[in-house]
């Protein structure tokens, strides 16, 4: 009887290993997505950032035009 309990624990521990593998895969996917979104911000030009700020309403048209002239 004792041998069956030990064997049952060994077989039952495989689900823990499976969960660890799934968590590792999810973590790597999330990390990869975060790196891609960070790289997209680096690729933007100063004019693109200025346009984004104007579109979000952070600056008005006058300030947008002045800063755009400075960049050109």
N, C-alpha and C. Protein backbone atom coordinates (compact mmCIF):
# COMPACT_ATOMS: atom_id res chain seq x y z
N UNK A 1 0.82 -1.19 0.00
CA UNK A 1 0.00 0.00 0.00
C UNK A 1 0.87 1.26 0.00
N UNK A 2 1.93 1.22 0.74
CA UNK A 2 2.80 2.38 0.83
C UNK A 2 3.40 2.72 -0.54
N UNK A 3 3.74 1.72 -1.31
CA UNK A 3 4.31 1.93 -2.64
C UNK A 3 3.35 2.66 -3.58
N UNK A 4 2.07 2.42 -3.47
CA UNK A 4 1.10 3.09 -4.33
C UNK A 4 1.00 4.58 -4.01
N UNK A 5 1.06 4.91 -2.73
CA UNK A 5 1.01 6.34 -2.37
C UNK A 5 2.21 7.09 -2.91
N UNK A 6 3.37 6.52 -2.79
CA UNK A 6 4.57 7.17 -3.32
C UNK A 6 4.51 7.32 -4.82
N UNK A 7 3.99 6.31 -5.48
CA UNK A 7 3.88 6.37 -6.94
C UNK A 7 2.83 7.40 -7.36
N UNK A 8 1.76 7.48 -6.59
CA UNK A 8 0.73 8.45 -6.90
C UNK A 8 1.24 9.88 -6.78
N UNK A 9 2.07 10.15 -5.81
CA UNK A 9 2.63 11.50 -5.65
C UNK A 9 3.54 11.84 -6.83
N UNK A 10 4.32 10.86 -7.26
CA UNK A 10 5.22 11.10 -8.39
C UNK A 10 4.44 11.41 -9.66
N UNK A 11 3.37 10.71 -9.90
CA UNK A 11 2.55 10.95 -11.08
C UNK A 11 1.79 12.27 -10.95
N UNK A 12 1.38 12.59 -9.74
CA UNK A 12 0.61 13.80 -9.52
C UNK A 12 1.44 15.07 -9.61
N UNK A 13 2.74 14.94 -9.45
CA UNK A 13 3.59 16.14 -9.49
C UNK A 13 3.81 16.64 -10.91
N UNK A 14 3.47 15.87 -11.92
CA UNK A 14 3.65 16.31 -13.30
C UNK A 14 2.78 17.52 -13.64
N UNK A 15 1.63 17.67 -13.00
CA UNK A 15 0.78 18.81 -13.29
C UNK A 15 1.44 20.10 -12.81
N UNK A 16 2.25 20.03 -11.73
CA UNK A 16 2.98 21.21 -11.25
C UNK A 16 4.01 21.63 -12.29
N UNK A 17 4.71 20.68 -12.86
CA UNK A 17 5.70 20.97 -13.89
C UNK A 17 5.02 21.58 -15.12
N UNK A 18 3.85 21.07 -15.46
CA UNK A 18 3.09 21.63 -16.59
C UNK A 18 2.69 23.07 -16.35
N UNK A 19 2.25 23.37 -15.13
CA UNK A 19 1.87 24.75 -14.81
C UNK A 19 3.08 25.67 -14.88
N UNK A 20 4.23 25.21 -14.38
CA UNK A 20 5.45 26.02 -14.43
C UNK A 20 5.82 26.32 -15.88
N UNK A 21 5.70 25.34 -16.75
CA UNK A 21 6.02 25.53 -18.16
C UNK A 21 5.06 26.53 -18.80
N UNK A 22 3.78 26.41 -18.51
CA UNK A 22 2.78 27.34 -19.06
C UNK A 22 3.05 28.77 -18.57
N UNK A 23 3.34 28.93 -17.29
CA UNK A 23 3.63 30.25 -16.74
C UNK A 23 4.87 30.84 -17.41
N UNK A 24 5.89 30.03 -17.63
CA UNK A 24 7.11 30.51 -18.29
C UNK A 24 6.82 30.97 -19.71
N UNK A 25 6.00 30.22 -20.44
CA UNK A 25 5.65 30.60 -21.82
C UNK A 25 4.87 31.91 -21.83
N UNK A 26 3.89 32.04 -20.95
CA UNK A 26 3.10 33.28 -20.88
C UNK A 26 4.00 34.46 -20.53
N UNK A 27 4.92 34.27 -19.59
CA UNK A 27 5.84 35.34 -19.20
C UNK A 27 6.71 35.77 -20.37
N UNK A 28 7.21 34.81 -21.16
CA UNK A 28 8.05 35.16 -22.31
C UNK A 28 7.26 35.90 -23.38
N UNK A 29 6.01 35.50 -23.60
CA UNK A 29 5.17 36.20 -24.59
C UNK A 29 4.90 37.63 -24.15
N UNK A 30 4.55 37.83 -22.89
CA UNK A 30 4.28 39.18 -22.38
C UNK A 30 5.54 40.03 -22.45
N UNK A 31 6.67 39.48 -22.09
CA UNK A 31 7.94 40.21 -22.15
C UNK A 31 8.25 40.62 -23.59
N UNK A 32 8.01 39.73 -24.53
CA UNK A 32 8.24 40.04 -25.94
C UNK A 32 7.33 41.14 -26.45
N UNK A 33 6.07 41.12 -26.03
CA UNK A 33 5.13 42.16 -26.45
C UNK A 33 5.53 43.52 -25.87
N UNK A 34 6.00 43.54 -24.64
CA UNK A 34 6.42 44.80 -24.02
C UNK A 34 7.64 45.37 -24.72
N UNK A 35 8.56 44.53 -25.15
CA UNK A 35 9.74 45.02 -25.86
C UNK A 35 9.35 45.60 -27.21
N UNK A 36 8.39 44.99 -27.89
CA UNK A 36 7.95 45.51 -29.18
C UNK A 36 7.29 46.87 -29.03
N UNK A 37 6.47 47.06 -28.01
CA UNK A 37 5.80 48.34 -27.83
C UNK A 37 6.80 49.42 -27.44
N UNK A 38 7.84 49.06 -26.69
CA UNK A 38 8.87 50.03 -26.32
C UNK A 38 9.67 50.44 -27.54
N UNK A 39 9.99 49.51 -28.41
CA UNK A 39 10.75 49.82 -29.62
C UNK A 39 9.97 50.72 -30.57
N UNK A 40 8.66 50.60 -30.59
CA UNK A 40 7.86 51.44 -31.48
C UNK A 40 7.97 52.91 -31.07
N UNK A 41 8.07 53.19 -29.79
CA UNK A 41 8.21 54.55 -29.31
C UNK A 41 9.54 55.16 -29.72
N UNK A 42 10.59 54.34 -29.81
CA UNK A 42 11.92 54.82 -30.17
C UNK A 42 11.96 55.18 -31.65
N UNK A 43 11.22 54.49 -32.48
CA UNK A 43 11.25 54.70 -33.92
C UNK A 43 10.52 55.97 -34.35
N UNK A 44 9.77 56.59 -33.46
CA UNK A 44 9.01 57.79 -33.83
C UNK A 44 9.94 58.99 -33.95
N UNK A 45 9.67 59.81 -34.95
CA UNK A 45 10.44 61.04 -35.12
C UNK A 45 9.87 62.11 -34.18
N UNK A 46 10.60 63.20 -34.05
CA UNK A 46 10.14 64.30 -33.20
C UNK A 46 8.83 64.87 -33.73
N UNK A 47 8.69 64.91 -35.05
CA UNK A 47 7.46 65.43 -35.65
C UNK A 47 6.28 64.50 -35.34
N UNK A 48 6.52 63.19 -35.38
CA UNK A 48 5.45 62.24 -35.04
C UNK A 48 5.00 62.42 -33.59
N UNK A 49 5.94 62.61 -32.70
CA UNK A 49 5.60 62.82 -31.28
C UNK A 49 4.82 64.11 -31.12
N UNK A 50 5.24 65.15 -31.85
CA UNK A 50 4.53 66.42 -31.79
C UNK A 50 3.10 66.28 -32.30
N UNK A 51 2.93 65.54 -33.39
CA UNK A 51 1.58 65.30 -33.92
C UNK A 51 0.72 64.53 -32.93
N UNK A 52 1.32 63.55 -32.26
CA UNK A 52 0.58 62.78 -31.25
C UNK A 52 0.14 63.68 -30.10
N UNK A 53 1.02 64.55 -29.64
CA UNK A 53 0.66 65.46 -28.54
C UNK A 53 -0.47 66.40 -28.95
N UNK A 54 -0.43 66.87 -30.18
CA UNK A 54 -1.49 67.76 -30.67
C UNK A 54 -2.82 66.99 -30.77
N UNK A 55 -2.74 65.77 -31.26
CA UNK A 55 -3.95 64.95 -31.41
C UNK A 55 -4.58 64.63 -30.05
N UNK A 56 -3.76 64.46 -29.03
CA UNK A 56 -4.28 64.17 -27.69
C UNK A 56 -4.75 65.44 -26.98
N UNK A 57 -4.49 66.60 -27.56
CA UNK A 57 -4.93 67.85 -26.95
C UNK A 57 -3.98 68.39 -25.91
N UNK A 58 -2.76 67.88 -25.87
CA UNK A 58 -1.78 68.35 -24.90
C UNK A 58 -1.27 69.74 -25.26
N UNK A 59 -1.24 70.06 -26.55
CA UNK A 59 -0.81 71.39 -27.01
C UNK A 59 -1.86 71.93 -27.97
N UNK A 60 -1.94 73.25 -28.08
CA UNK A 60 -2.90 73.85 -29.00
C UNK A 60 -2.26 74.04 -30.37
N UNK A 61 -3.07 74.54 -31.33
CA UNK A 61 -2.61 74.66 -32.71
C UNK A 61 -1.44 75.63 -32.82
N UNK A 62 -1.50 76.72 -32.10
CA UNK A 62 -0.43 77.71 -32.17
C UNK A 62 0.90 77.10 -31.71
N UNK A 63 0.88 76.42 -30.59
CA UNK A 63 2.11 75.79 -30.09
C UNK A 63 2.59 74.70 -31.04
N UNK A 64 1.65 73.94 -31.61
CA UNK A 64 2.00 72.91 -32.58
C UNK A 64 2.74 73.53 -33.77
N UNK A 65 2.18 74.60 -34.32
CA UNK A 65 2.79 75.25 -35.49
C UNK A 65 4.18 75.81 -35.15
N UNK A 66 4.33 76.43 -33.99
CA UNK A 66 5.61 76.99 -33.60
C UNK A 66 6.68 75.89 -33.47
N UNK A 67 6.31 74.83 -32.81
CA UNK A 67 7.27 73.74 -32.61
C UNK A 67 7.58 73.02 -33.92
N UNK A 68 6.57 72.90 -34.79
CA UNK A 68 6.79 72.26 -36.08
C UNK A 68 7.79 73.07 -36.91
N UNK A 69 7.65 74.41 -36.87
CA UNK A 69 8.60 75.28 -37.58
C UNK A 69 10.01 75.12 -37.05
N UNK A 70 10.12 74.96 -35.72
CA UNK A 70 11.44 74.75 -35.12
C UNK A 70 12.08 73.45 -35.60
N UNK A 71 11.25 72.45 -35.84
CA UNK A 71 11.78 71.16 -36.27
C UNK A 71 12.15 71.14 -37.73
N UNK A 72 11.54 71.99 -38.53
CA UNK A 72 11.79 71.99 -39.97
C UNK A 72 13.04 72.72 -40.33
